[in-house]
Protein backbone atom coordinates (compact mmCIF):
# COMPACT_ATOMS: atom_id res chain seq x y z
CA MET A 1 -68.61 -133.01 -61.59
CA SER A 2 -67.59 -130.05 -61.97
CA THR A 3 -63.63 -129.14 -61.10
CA ILE A 4 -62.08 -126.10 -59.56
CA GLN A 5 -59.55 -124.57 -62.35
CA ASN A 6 -55.86 -123.83 -60.93
CA PRO A 7 -54.39 -121.86 -59.80
CA ILE A 8 -57.54 -120.02 -58.22
CA LEU A 9 -55.53 -116.56 -57.70
CA PRO A 10 -53.35 -116.20 -60.64
CA GLY A 11 -50.19 -113.95 -60.76
CA PHE A 12 -48.14 -113.12 -57.73
CA HIS A 13 -50.33 -114.66 -54.80
CA ALA A 14 -47.69 -116.69 -52.54
CA ASP A 15 -47.52 -118.53 -49.21
CA PRO A 16 -51.78 -118.98 -48.98
CA SER A 17 -53.34 -118.75 -45.72
CA ILE A 18 -57.11 -119.95 -46.19
CA LEU A 19 -59.89 -119.60 -43.36
CA ARG A 20 -63.35 -120.28 -43.17
CA VAL A 21 -65.82 -118.44 -41.11
CA GLU A 22 -69.24 -119.99 -41.41
CA ASP A 23 -69.84 -120.32 -45.11
CA GLU A 24 -67.55 -117.93 -46.35
CA PHE A 25 -64.13 -118.71 -47.37
CA TYR A 26 -60.81 -116.09 -47.14
CA ILE A 27 -57.28 -116.48 -48.31
CA ALA A 28 -54.60 -114.14 -47.28
CA THR A 29 -51.05 -113.83 -49.20
CA SER A 30 -47.93 -112.21 -49.13
CA THR A 31 -47.35 -108.82 -50.67
CA PHE A 32 -43.82 -108.65 -49.75
CA GLU A 33 -42.26 -105.04 -50.82
CA TRP A 34 -45.73 -103.93 -52.26
CA PHE A 35 -48.31 -101.59 -50.50
CA PRO A 36 -50.43 -102.15 -48.97
CA GLY A 37 -49.66 -105.09 -47.17
CA VAL A 38 -51.28 -108.54 -47.33
CA ARG A 39 -53.83 -109.41 -49.91
CA ILE A 40 -57.15 -111.29 -48.76
CA HIS A 41 -59.88 -113.06 -51.26
CA ARG A 42 -63.28 -114.44 -50.29
CA SER A 43 -65.46 -117.15 -51.94
CA LYS A 44 -68.57 -119.05 -51.16
CA ASP A 45 -67.25 -121.65 -53.61
CA LEU A 46 -63.61 -122.35 -53.52
CA GLN A 47 -63.40 -121.46 -57.34
CA ASN A 48 -64.57 -117.76 -57.47
CA TRP A 49 -62.97 -115.34 -56.00
CA GLN A 50 -62.98 -111.41 -55.12
CA PHE A 51 -61.05 -109.36 -53.85
CA ALA A 52 -61.83 -108.62 -50.26
CA ALA A 53 -59.52 -106.30 -48.03
CA SER A 54 -56.01 -105.42 -47.73
CA PRO A 55 -55.46 -104.83 -44.04
CA LEU A 56 -52.12 -103.21 -43.88
CA THR A 57 -52.86 -99.56 -45.10
CA ARG A 58 -51.01 -97.39 -42.74
CA ARG A 59 -47.21 -97.11 -41.99
CA SER A 60 -47.79 -97.17 -38.58
CA GLN A 61 -48.78 -100.87 -39.34
CA LEU A 62 -46.03 -101.56 -42.47
CA ASP A 63 -43.03 -99.18 -42.35
CA MET A 64 -41.19 -101.16 -45.49
CA LYS A 65 -39.14 -97.53 -46.54
CA GLY A 66 -35.65 -98.96 -47.69
CA ASN A 67 -36.60 -102.51 -47.35
CA MET A 68 -34.76 -104.71 -49.61
CA ASN A 69 -36.46 -106.81 -52.52
CA SER A 70 -38.29 -109.62 -51.87
CA GLY A 71 -38.14 -107.91 -48.25
CA GLY A 72 -41.35 -106.88 -46.48
CA VAL A 73 -44.46 -109.00 -45.51
CA TRP A 74 -43.85 -112.57 -46.00
CA ALA A 75 -46.48 -115.35 -45.19
CA PRO A 76 -48.95 -113.76 -43.40
CA ASP A 77 -51.38 -115.93 -41.28
CA LEU A 78 -55.15 -115.44 -41.04
CA SER A 79 -57.28 -116.94 -38.18
CA TYR A 80 -60.58 -116.07 -36.52
CA HIS A 81 -61.89 -116.63 -32.82
CA ASN A 82 -64.83 -115.30 -30.87
CA GLY A 83 -65.93 -112.68 -33.61
CA THR A 84 -62.41 -111.40 -34.07
CA PHE A 85 -60.21 -111.58 -37.29
CA TYR A 86 -56.60 -112.40 -36.51
CA LEU A 87 -53.71 -111.33 -38.73
CA ILE A 88 -50.00 -112.47 -38.20
CA TYR A 89 -47.44 -111.00 -40.71
CA THR A 90 -43.81 -110.53 -40.91
CA ASP A 91 -42.11 -107.26 -42.08
CA VAL A 92 -38.39 -108.71 -43.41
CA LYS A 93 -35.76 -105.90 -43.31
CA GLN A 94 -32.96 -107.98 -44.28
CA TRP A 95 -32.78 -111.49 -46.04
CA HIS A 96 -29.75 -111.63 -47.77
CA GLY A 97 -26.90 -113.58 -46.26
CA ALA A 98 -26.13 -115.20 -42.68
CA TYR A 99 -28.89 -113.11 -41.17
CA LYS A 100 -32.79 -112.70 -41.58
CA ASP A 101 -33.96 -109.33 -40.07
CA ALA A 102 -37.40 -110.27 -39.58
CA HIS A 103 -40.07 -108.78 -37.26
CA ASN A 104 -43.50 -110.52 -36.53
CA TYR A 105 -46.65 -108.36 -35.68
CA LEU A 106 -50.36 -108.95 -35.01
CA VAL A 107 -53.46 -106.73 -35.90
CA THR A 108 -57.07 -108.06 -35.29
CA ALA A 109 -60.32 -106.69 -37.25
CA PRO A 110 -64.17 -107.19 -36.21
CA ALA A 111 -64.85 -107.51 -39.82
CA ILE A 112 -62.33 -108.83 -42.75
CA GLU A 113 -62.53 -105.23 -44.58
CA GLY A 114 -61.49 -103.52 -41.13
CA PRO A 115 -60.87 -101.57 -39.55
CA TRP A 116 -57.55 -103.52 -38.58
CA SER A 117 -55.86 -102.28 -35.31
CA GLU A 118 -52.36 -101.06 -34.82
CA PRO A 119 -49.84 -103.31 -34.35
CA VAL A 120 -48.56 -105.42 -31.74
CA TYR A 121 -45.31 -106.57 -31.75
CA LEU A 122 -44.19 -110.70 -31.03
CA ASN A 123 -41.08 -111.36 -31.78
CA SER A 124 -37.65 -111.47 -34.21
CA SER A 125 -36.54 -114.89 -34.01
CA GLY A 126 -37.35 -115.86 -37.18
CA PHE A 127 -40.49 -115.93 -40.47
CA ASP A 128 -43.33 -117.82 -41.41
CA PRO A 129 -45.57 -116.65 -37.96
CA SER A 130 -49.00 -118.45 -37.48
CA LEU A 131 -51.49 -118.41 -34.65
CA PHE A 132 -53.05 -121.36 -33.02
CA HIS A 133 -56.49 -120.73 -31.22
CA ASP A 134 -57.00 -124.00 -29.16
CA ASP A 135 -60.23 -125.06 -27.47
CA ASP A 136 -59.68 -124.62 -24.29
CA GLY A 137 -59.18 -120.72 -25.03
CA ARG A 138 -55.29 -120.73 -24.68
CA LYS A 139 -53.28 -119.20 -27.94
CA TRP A 140 -50.14 -120.30 -29.33
CA PHE A 141 -48.29 -118.59 -31.64
CA MET A 142 -45.68 -120.64 -34.19
CA ASN A 143 -42.39 -119.64 -36.05
CA MET A 144 -39.56 -121.14 -37.70
CA ILE A 145 -36.57 -120.26 -36.12
CA TRP A 146 -33.50 -118.85 -38.12
CA ASP A 147 -29.71 -120.03 -36.66
CA TYR A 148 -27.13 -118.06 -38.43
CA ARG A 149 -23.98 -119.87 -37.13
CA SER A 150 -21.28 -121.51 -39.15
CA GLY A 151 -21.97 -124.92 -39.46
CA ARG A 152 -25.67 -125.40 -38.35
CA ASN A 153 -28.70 -125.80 -40.18
CA PRO A 154 -30.16 -122.00 -40.67
CA PHE A 155 -33.53 -123.41 -40.59
CA ALA A 156 -33.59 -124.74 -37.00
CA GLY A 157 -36.98 -125.70 -36.72
CA ILE A 158 -40.61 -124.66 -35.59
CA VAL A 159 -40.67 -122.89 -32.51
CA LEU A 160 -43.68 -122.71 -30.10
CA GLN A 161 -45.14 -120.33 -27.41
CA GLU A 162 -48.20 -119.08 -25.69
CA PHE A 163 -49.79 -115.56 -26.43
CA SER A 164 -51.51 -113.79 -23.77
CA GLU A 165 -54.45 -111.74 -25.15
CA ALA A 166 -54.65 -110.21 -21.94
CA GLU A 167 -51.18 -108.86 -21.94
CA GLN A 168 -51.37 -108.65 -25.64
CA LYS A 169 -47.39 -110.49 -25.37
CA LEU A 170 -46.02 -113.76 -25.78
CA THR A 171 -45.05 -115.64 -22.78
CA GLY A 172 -43.92 -118.49 -21.53
CA PRO A 173 -41.24 -120.85 -22.42
CA VAL A 174 -40.34 -121.59 -26.10
CA LYS A 175 -39.68 -124.95 -27.42
CA THR A 176 -39.09 -126.11 -30.74
CA ILE A 177 -41.70 -128.76 -31.32
CA TYR A 178 -40.30 -129.86 -34.96
CA THR A 179 -37.17 -130.01 -36.72
CA GLY A 180 -38.49 -131.48 -39.72
CA THR A 181 -37.33 -134.02 -42.35
CA GLU A 182 -34.41 -134.61 -44.53
CA ILE A 183 -36.09 -132.71 -47.31
CA LYS A 184 -35.04 -129.85 -45.00
CA LEU A 185 -35.75 -125.93 -45.22
CA THR A 186 -38.82 -126.23 -42.72
CA GLU A 187 -41.00 -123.56 -42.48
CA GLY A 188 -44.60 -122.56 -42.64
CA PRO A 189 -46.18 -123.90 -40.16
CA HIS A 190 -49.60 -124.05 -39.18
CA ILE A 191 -51.66 -126.36 -36.72
CA TYR A 192 -54.96 -127.67 -37.10
CA LYS A 193 -56.93 -129.85 -34.46
CA LYS A 194 -58.96 -132.93 -35.55
CA ASP A 195 -60.08 -135.97 -33.84
CA ASP A 196 -57.87 -134.95 -30.82
CA TRP A 197 -54.90 -134.83 -32.52
CA TYR A 198 -53.14 -131.76 -33.33
CA TYR A 199 -51.81 -131.81 -37.10
CA LEU A 200 -48.75 -129.10 -37.78
CA LEU A 201 -48.31 -128.59 -41.49
CA VAL A 202 -44.82 -127.08 -42.80
CA ALA A 203 -43.37 -126.02 -45.89
CA GLU A 204 -40.07 -127.60 -46.96
CA GLY A 205 -37.72 -128.10 -49.39
CA GLY A 206 -37.52 -124.11 -50.54
CA THR A 207 -39.77 -122.44 -52.49
CA GLU A 208 -38.27 -123.53 -55.60
CA TYR A 209 -38.75 -126.75 -57.78
CA ASP A 210 -38.28 -128.89 -54.91
CA HIS A 211 -40.89 -127.17 -52.42
CA ALA A 212 -42.98 -129.56 -50.37
CA GLU A 213 -45.80 -129.87 -47.76
CA THR A 214 -45.28 -132.26 -44.99
CA VAL A 215 -47.35 -133.39 -42.07
CA ALA A 216 -46.98 -134.12 -38.87
CA ARG A 217 -48.95 -134.81 -35.80
CA SER A 218 -49.14 -135.29 -31.93
CA GLN A 219 -51.81 -135.65 -29.08
CA SER A 220 -50.03 -132.65 -27.17
CA ILE A 221 -49.84 -129.04 -28.54
CA ASP A 222 -46.07 -128.82 -27.90
CA GLY A 223 -45.31 -132.36 -29.09
CA PRO A 224 -43.35 -134.75 -29.79
CA TYR A 225 -44.83 -134.70 -33.23
CA GLU A 226 -45.02 -137.69 -35.57
CA THR A 227 -43.97 -137.05 -39.24
CA ASP A 228 -46.70 -138.79 -41.53
CA PRO A 229 -44.60 -142.02 -42.64
CA ASP A 230 -46.13 -141.53 -46.32
CA TYR A 231 -44.54 -137.37 -46.85
CA PRO A 232 -44.65 -135.28 -48.42
CA LEU A 233 -48.34 -134.53 -48.91
CA ILE A 234 -47.70 -132.57 -52.28
CA THR A 235 -44.61 -131.68 -54.08
CA ALA A 236 -44.10 -131.61 -58.14
CA GLN A 237 -40.34 -132.47 -57.34
CA GLY A 238 -39.30 -135.46 -59.92
CA LYS A 239 -42.43 -134.66 -62.54
CA PRO A 240 -41.37 -131.91 -64.81
CA ASP A 241 -44.13 -132.32 -66.55
CA SER A 242 -46.38 -130.95 -64.28
CA GLY A 243 -48.58 -127.89 -65.36
CA LEU A 244 -47.86 -126.39 -61.48
CA GLN A 245 -44.58 -126.67 -60.35
CA LYS A 246 -42.76 -125.37 -57.18
CA ALA A 247 -45.94 -127.33 -55.22
CA GLY A 248 -45.95 -126.28 -51.05
CA HIS A 249 -46.38 -123.96 -48.50
CA GLY A 250 -50.28 -124.10 -47.97
CA SER A 251 -52.77 -124.42 -45.34
CA LEU A 252 -56.02 -126.38 -44.91
CA VAL A 253 -59.77 -125.71 -44.68
CA ASP A 254 -62.80 -127.83 -44.54
CA THR A 255 -66.39 -127.18 -45.86
CA PRO A 256 -69.62 -126.69 -44.34
CA ASN A 257 -70.38 -130.31 -45.75
CA GLY A 258 -67.21 -131.74 -44.44
CA GLU A 259 -65.23 -131.80 -47.48
CA TRP A 260 -61.36 -130.99 -47.03
CA TYR A 261 -59.04 -128.70 -49.48
CA PHE A 262 -55.52 -127.49 -49.25
CA VAL A 263 -54.35 -124.16 -50.86
CA HIS A 264 -50.63 -124.29 -51.61
CA LEU A 265 -48.18 -122.06 -53.43
CA CYS A 266 -47.08 -123.24 -56.78
CA GLY A 267 -45.24 -121.48 -60.18
CA ARG A 268 -46.15 -122.08 -64.20
CA PRO A 269 -42.70 -121.55 -65.58
CA LEU A 270 -41.99 -120.41 -69.09
CA ASN A 271 -39.28 -122.17 -71.31
CA GLY A 272 -38.83 -124.39 -68.41
CA SER A 273 -37.43 -122.34 -66.08
CA TYR A 274 -38.97 -118.94 -65.66
CA CYS A 275 -41.86 -117.93 -63.39
CA THR A 276 -42.61 -114.31 -64.43
CA LEU A 277 -46.21 -114.11 -63.14
CA GLY A 278 -44.66 -114.89 -59.46
CA ARG A 279 -45.72 -117.82 -57.37
CA GLU A 280 -49.52 -118.46 -57.16
CA THR A 281 -52.05 -119.81 -55.00
CA ALA A 282 -53.85 -123.20 -56.20
CA ILE A 283 -55.89 -125.84 -54.41
CA GLN A 284 -56.36 -129.32 -54.41
CA LYS A 285 -59.02 -131.86 -52.51
CA VAL A 286 -57.62 -133.86 -49.62
CA GLU A 287 -59.22 -136.41 -47.89
CA TRP A 288 -58.30 -138.32 -44.46
CA THR A 289 -57.28 -141.69 -44.19
CA GLU A 290 -58.95 -144.61 -41.85
CA ASP A 291 -55.31 -144.17 -39.66
CA GLY A 292 -55.57 -140.38 -39.74
CA TRP A 293 -53.37 -138.89 -42.15
CA LEU A 294 -54.02 -136.58 -45.08
CA ARG A 295 -53.96 -137.41 -48.72
CA LEU A 296 -54.61 -135.51 -51.84
CA ALA A 297 -57.65 -136.85 -53.29
CA ASN A 298 -56.16 -137.61 -56.73
CA GLY A 299 -54.33 -140.42 -55.00
CA THR A 300 -50.58 -139.06 -55.86
CA ARG A 301 -48.62 -136.35 -54.25
CA TYR A 302 -48.33 -134.05 -57.61
CA PRO A 303 -51.02 -131.55 -57.57
CA ASP A 304 -53.45 -131.33 -60.52
CA MET A 305 -54.58 -128.52 -62.75
CA GLU A 306 -58.47 -128.80 -62.18
CA THR A 307 -59.87 -130.23 -58.49
CA PRO A 308 -62.88 -131.70 -57.92
CA ALA A 309 -65.40 -128.93 -56.54
CA PRO A 310 -66.84 -129.41 -53.54
CA ASP A 311 -70.73 -129.54 -52.73
CA LEU A 312 -71.31 -126.23 -52.77
CA PRO A 313 -73.71 -123.84 -54.48
CA VAL A 314 -71.16 -121.88 -57.43
CA GLN A 315 -71.43 -118.04 -56.83
CA PRO A 316 -69.53 -115.99 -59.13
CA TYR A 317 -68.68 -112.59 -58.71
CA PRO A 318 -68.90 -109.89 -61.25
CA GLN A 319 -65.90 -109.11 -63.35
CA GLU A 320 -64.12 -106.15 -62.94
CA ASN A 321 -63.37 -103.38 -65.30
CA ALA A 322 -60.96 -103.83 -67.56
CA LYS A 323 -60.22 -100.38 -68.06
CA ASP A 324 -59.78 -97.63 -64.82
CA ASP A 325 -60.96 -94.17 -65.96
CA PHE A 326 -59.57 -92.63 -62.34
CA ASP A 327 -63.16 -91.14 -61.56
CA ALA A 328 -63.76 -92.80 -58.19
CA ASP A 329 -62.43 -91.11 -55.17
CA GLU A 330 -60.17 -93.58 -54.15
CA LEU A 331 -58.26 -96.15 -55.85
CA SER A 332 -59.29 -99.70 -56.23
CA GLY A 333 -57.65 -102.98 -54.61
CA HIS A 334 -55.72 -103.86 -57.63
CA TRP A 335 -53.38 -100.64 -57.46
CA ASN A 336 -50.22 -101.26 -55.55
CA SER A 337 -47.35 -98.90 -54.61
CA LEU A 338 -43.62 -99.65 -53.37
CA ARG A 339 -42.75 -99.43 -49.62
CA VAL A 340 -44.69 -96.63 -48.81
CA PRO A 341 -48.76 -95.85 -48.94
CA MET A 342 -50.43 -93.93 -51.77
CA ASP A 343 -51.10 -90.68 -50.25
CA LYS A 344 -51.90 -87.18 -51.81
CA SER A 345 -48.50 -85.84 -51.53
CA TRP A 346 -47.07 -87.85 -54.63
CA CYS A 347 -50.92 -89.86 -55.99
CA SER A 348 -53.68 -87.81 -56.45
CA LEU A 349 -57.01 -88.53 -58.23
CA SER A 350 -58.42 -85.04 -57.14
CA ALA A 351 -55.81 -82.56 -58.29
CA ASN A 352 -57.02 -83.02 -61.57
CA PRO A 353 -60.52 -85.18 -61.31
CA GLY A 354 -61.18 -88.03 -63.99
CA TRP A 355 -57.01 -88.50 -64.21
CA LEU A 356 -54.95 -89.88 -61.89
CA ARG A 357 -51.76 -87.23 -60.98
CA LEU A 358 -48.34 -88.74 -59.71
CA TYR A 359 -45.69 -86.42 -58.95
CA GLY A 360 -42.23 -87.23 -59.82
CA ARG A 361 -39.77 -88.66 -57.28
CA GLU A 362 -37.19 -91.30 -56.95
CA SER A 363 -35.88 -93.47 -59.55
CA LEU A 364 -36.94 -96.78 -60.59
CA GLY A 365 -33.83 -98.47 -58.72
CA SER A 366 -34.95 -96.56 -55.73
CA LEU A 367 -36.03 -98.73 -52.25
CA HIS A 368 -37.54 -95.47 -50.88
CA ASN A 369 -39.62 -93.12 -52.35
CA GLN A 370 -40.77 -94.21 -55.78
CA SER A 371 -44.06 -92.26 -57.72
CA LEU A 372 -45.45 -96.03 -59.26
CA VAL A 373 -48.55 -97.51 -58.93
CA ALA A 374 -48.75 -100.70 -60.66
CA ARG A 375 -51.09 -104.23 -60.57
CA ARG A 376 -50.16 -107.74 -60.89
CA GLN A 377 -49.54 -109.35 -64.49
CA THR A 378 -51.98 -112.60 -63.82
CA SER A 379 -52.35 -114.03 -67.73
CA PHE A 380 -49.24 -114.93 -69.89
CA ARG A 381 -51.15 -113.22 -72.61
CA CYS A 382 -51.98 -109.50 -71.60
CA THR A 383 -52.28 -106.01 -73.27
CA ALA A 384 -51.56 -102.57 -70.52
CA GLU A 385 -51.97 -98.89 -72.11
CA THR A 386 -52.17 -95.92 -70.70
CA SER A 387 -52.69 -92.33 -71.77
CA VAL A 388 -50.26 -89.75 -70.06
CA SER A 389 -50.38 -85.74 -70.23
CA PHE A 390 -46.57 -84.55 -69.25
CA ASP A 391 -44.64 -82.04 -70.25
CA PRO A 392 -40.69 -82.94 -69.25
CA GLU A 393 -38.34 -79.98 -69.35
CA TYR A 394 -35.26 -81.99 -69.92
CA TYR A 395 -34.04 -85.47 -69.14
CA GLN A 396 -34.35 -85.77 -65.67
CA HIS A 397 -38.22 -85.46 -66.08
CA LYS A 398 -39.60 -89.11 -66.92
CA ALA A 399 -43.51 -90.62 -66.73
CA GLY A 400 -44.60 -93.47 -68.41
CA LEU A 401 -45.69 -97.33 -68.66
CA VAL A 402 -43.81 -99.63 -66.49
CA ILE A 403 -43.34 -103.29 -66.70
CA TYR A 404 -42.06 -104.14 -63.16
CA TYR A 405 -40.33 -107.17 -61.51
CA ASP A 406 -37.92 -105.30 -59.07
CA THR A 407 -35.47 -102.34 -59.02
CA GLU A 408 -32.91 -105.10 -60.34
CA ASP A 409 -35.63 -106.40 -63.54
CA HIS A 410 -37.92 -103.68 -65.00
CA VAL A 411 -38.79 -102.31 -68.56
CA TYR A 412 -40.10 -98.45 -68.63
CA LEU A 413 -41.56 -97.03 -72.09
CA HIS A 414 -41.63 -93.12 -71.01
CA LEU A 415 -41.51 -89.69 -72.02
CA THR A 416 -38.95 -87.53 -71.11
CA GLY A 417 -37.10 -84.45 -72.13
CA HIS A 418 -34.17 -83.64 -74.76
CA GLU A 419 -32.05 -81.05 -75.91
CA GLU A 420 -32.17 -80.81 -79.23
CA LYS A 421 -35.30 -83.06 -79.87
CA GLY A 422 -38.12 -81.73 -76.81
CA ARG A 423 -40.63 -84.27 -75.71
CA VAL A 424 -39.40 -87.55 -77.01
CA LEU A 425 -39.84 -91.55 -76.07
CA GLN A 426 -37.21 -93.54 -74.57
CA ILE A 427 -37.20 -97.34 -73.25
CA ILE A 428 -35.16 -98.15 -70.48
CA ARG A 429 -34.58 -101.78 -69.68
CA THR A 430 -32.94 -102.51 -66.53
CA LYS A 431 -31.94 -106.47 -66.61
CA GLY A 432 -29.98 -108.09 -63.98
CA GLY A 433 -29.67 -104.61 -62.23
CA GLU A 434 -27.42 -103.48 -65.69
CA TYR A 435 -28.86 -100.30 -67.33
CA GLU A 436 -29.53 -99.78 -70.82
CA GLU A 437 -31.70 -97.18 -73.35
CA LEU A 438 -32.94 -99.22 -76.01
CA LEU A 439 -33.36 -96.25 -78.45
CA LEU A 440 -30.04 -94.90 -79.08
CA ALA A 441 -31.87 -92.05 -80.83
CA PRO A 442 -34.91 -91.23 -78.83
CA VAL A 443 -37.78 -91.22 -80.83
CA ARG A 444 -39.30 -87.51 -80.93
CA THR A 445 -43.51 -87.63 -80.17
CA ALA A 446 -46.10 -84.66 -80.28
CA GLN A 447 -44.62 -81.83 -78.23
CA THR A 448 -48.16 -81.44 -76.87
CA GLY A 449 -51.22 -83.40 -75.83
CA ALA A 450 -51.48 -86.72 -74.20
CA VAL A 451 -49.18 -89.62 -75.55
CA GLN A 452 -50.73 -92.85 -75.54
CA LEU A 453 -48.22 -96.03 -74.80
CA ARG A 454 -49.07 -100.15 -74.73
CA ALA A 455 -47.57 -103.10 -74.36
CA ASP A 456 -48.42 -106.38 -75.62
CA ILE A 457 -47.04 -109.39 -73.83
CA ASP A 458 -47.37 -112.97 -75.06
CA HIS A 459 -45.87 -115.33 -72.54
CA ASP A 460 -41.86 -115.03 -73.01
CA THR A 461 -42.03 -111.77 -75.67
CA MET A 462 -43.57 -108.12 -75.43
CA THR A 463 -43.82 -105.60 -77.71
CA LEU A 464 -44.27 -102.28 -77.13
CA SER A 465 -46.48 -99.27 -79.01
CA TYR A 466 -47.29 -95.57 -78.70
CA LYS A 467 -50.11 -93.15 -80.06
CA ASP A 468 -49.61 -89.27 -80.59
CA GLU A 469 -52.26 -86.56 -81.68
CA ARG A 470 -50.28 -86.62 -84.99
CA THR A 471 -51.40 -90.36 -85.46
CA THR A 472 -54.50 -92.65 -85.20
CA GLU A 473 -52.91 -95.66 -85.29
CA TRP A 474 -50.35 -97.56 -82.95
CA THR A 475 -46.83 -97.19 -83.92
CA ARG A 476 -44.41 -99.96 -82.84
CA ILE A 477 -41.32 -98.70 -81.19
CA GLY A 478 -37.90 -100.67 -79.94
CA PRO A 479 -37.29 -104.22 -80.59
CA VAL A 480 -39.37 -107.36 -79.29
CA LEU A 481 -38.48 -107.60 -75.75
CA ASP A 482 -37.88 -111.16 -73.70
CA THR A 483 -39.77 -110.89 -70.82
CA THR A 484 -37.72 -113.98 -68.64
CA HIS A 485 -35.81 -111.44 -66.82
CA MET A 486 -38.79 -110.39 -65.22
CA SER A 487 -39.02 -113.51 -63.19
CA ASP A 488 -38.23 -115.14 -59.84
CA ASP A 489 -36.11 -117.41 -61.35
CA SER A 490 -33.75 -115.27 -63.44
CA ALA A 491 -31.40 -113.99 -60.85
CA ALA A 492 -28.44 -115.24 -59.16
CA GLN A 493 -30.46 -115.54 -55.96
CA VAL A 494 -34.28 -116.46 -55.45
CA ARG A 495 -36.76 -113.74 -55.54
CA PHE A 496 -40.07 -113.69 -54.31
CA THR A 497 -42.82 -111.62 -56.25
CA GLY A 498 -43.82 -111.15 -59.48
CA THR A 499 -44.50 -109.02 -62.66
CA PHE A 500 -46.59 -105.82 -62.20
CA VAL A 501 -47.71 -103.43 -65.13
CA GLY A 502 -48.36 -99.65 -64.31
CA MET A 503 -47.57 -96.03 -63.99
CA ALA A 504 -44.61 -94.04 -63.04
CA CYS A 505 -43.06 -90.53 -62.96
CA GLN A 506 -39.74 -89.30 -62.12
CA ASP A 507 -38.12 -86.23 -61.02
CA TYR A 508 -34.49 -86.48 -60.63
CA SER A 509 -34.09 -82.52 -59.95
CA GLY A 510 -36.31 -83.14 -56.72
CA MET A 511 -38.92 -80.45 -57.47
CA LYS A 512 -42.03 -83.05 -58.52
CA ARG A 513 -42.55 -82.84 -61.61
CA ALA A 514 -46.32 -83.95 -62.25
CA ALA A 515 -47.90 -86.34 -64.79
CA ASP A 516 -51.32 -86.83 -65.53
CA PHE A 517 -52.21 -90.42 -66.32
CA ASP A 518 -56.42 -90.53 -68.22
CA TYR A 519 -56.64 -94.05 -67.72
CA PHE A 520 -55.27 -97.49 -67.36
CA LEU A 521 -56.39 -100.83 -69.95
CA TYR A 522 -55.56 -104.19 -68.49
CA GLU A 523 -57.05 -106.91 -70.50
CA GLU A 524 -56.06 -110.34 -70.68
CA GLU A 525 -56.29 -113.29 -73.58
């Protein structure tokens, strides 16, 4: 029997929403403060996946300038009805403390590649929205509702309201249909209809190590919902030896042959605690009991590192090129920016053909206008390498290779200017928001020509190297670095993204000094 190896979407791919249209499967995942918003992958066999689209490409669809870390796009929901794809998503502006400023929107498209519409605003009462298309033609919108008041359960339940497609708005009464179990932190609702039952799947327990997924059902869309007596469906809580931790927040799909699968969020911690790759997407085969409840096919409630593959032809996709020479007219879908779109005002493939030009803007601590282009780290052992041509005049000019979790945690090997030494290399580490220069005496490089920069990551450690026109071999620079501070779990308050590797450029003078990057190489072991 062939099997699917987990995770199916490694690296930061959280909160999966799965959908089948005829013989093709799609998964939409959260992107938080990274642009473009939402990532959609496609598959024919549930084991080989290919990037398909990022629907939210315009600031009119998603304006995250100023959004806090781990804000932005939370838990999208992808659905399909009568030839149209529907994408529901949240833009979270603020989520620390008592309040959650979270706005929910809908965009549509005739094909997964688009064009995707301008957004329809829906509500702001909570997050994790989804849309259910009933077989009578009515459409129902759900989200978890947030109660900020003292002494209340802030995860106050799942609310349901009808969506009027004709009016393009929510209409009618808002009804709380489910308040969850004693696991608490009830969120991430999805409804499915099977054998005249409405099945409500919800995430519970929070998105850390107590995470879980619970199933309830009703014969009416608006309840009352009965909880599966043998809940939860899945969790890794209490099983520290499981290779997949944080299991929960998922969605359900059937195959053309009538097999059923559940995709879910998970994490693979280093040193027992640190998910440097972020929250990933895994899949488990599931089965229905005679009395109509859902169970993992492995006979437990715990996730497996591999699960039986469906009875479908295996259809792999071509491997992506490890090296991007920036010869195309547009950047590929693997590249991302922070909070704002990649546009020619700061990021250009045409200004110096064959190179990616970044115009220096704000610091790596900015929530507004960073010139940073990066891709996900998707393996614990990998190499990231680039070549940068940059002529800094003074210390306010920087450009180089960045390993980035968020504004509070990152490492930056870069060229900059120095009063006595001219063009130098420096390493900045920001750890828990604390700035540190790791080379107390910056290293003088060749004063002209491109400089190659490299990071070799091996699980919880990283080494940095460089080459310039004076050398033919890589030269190690700086100490061996611990990577675990760039993780979901290392901060005082939980975070939701993952580590990226990429290129950045700053000009604190505001004059937009440019850096040109000849290539970017990302290889996994």
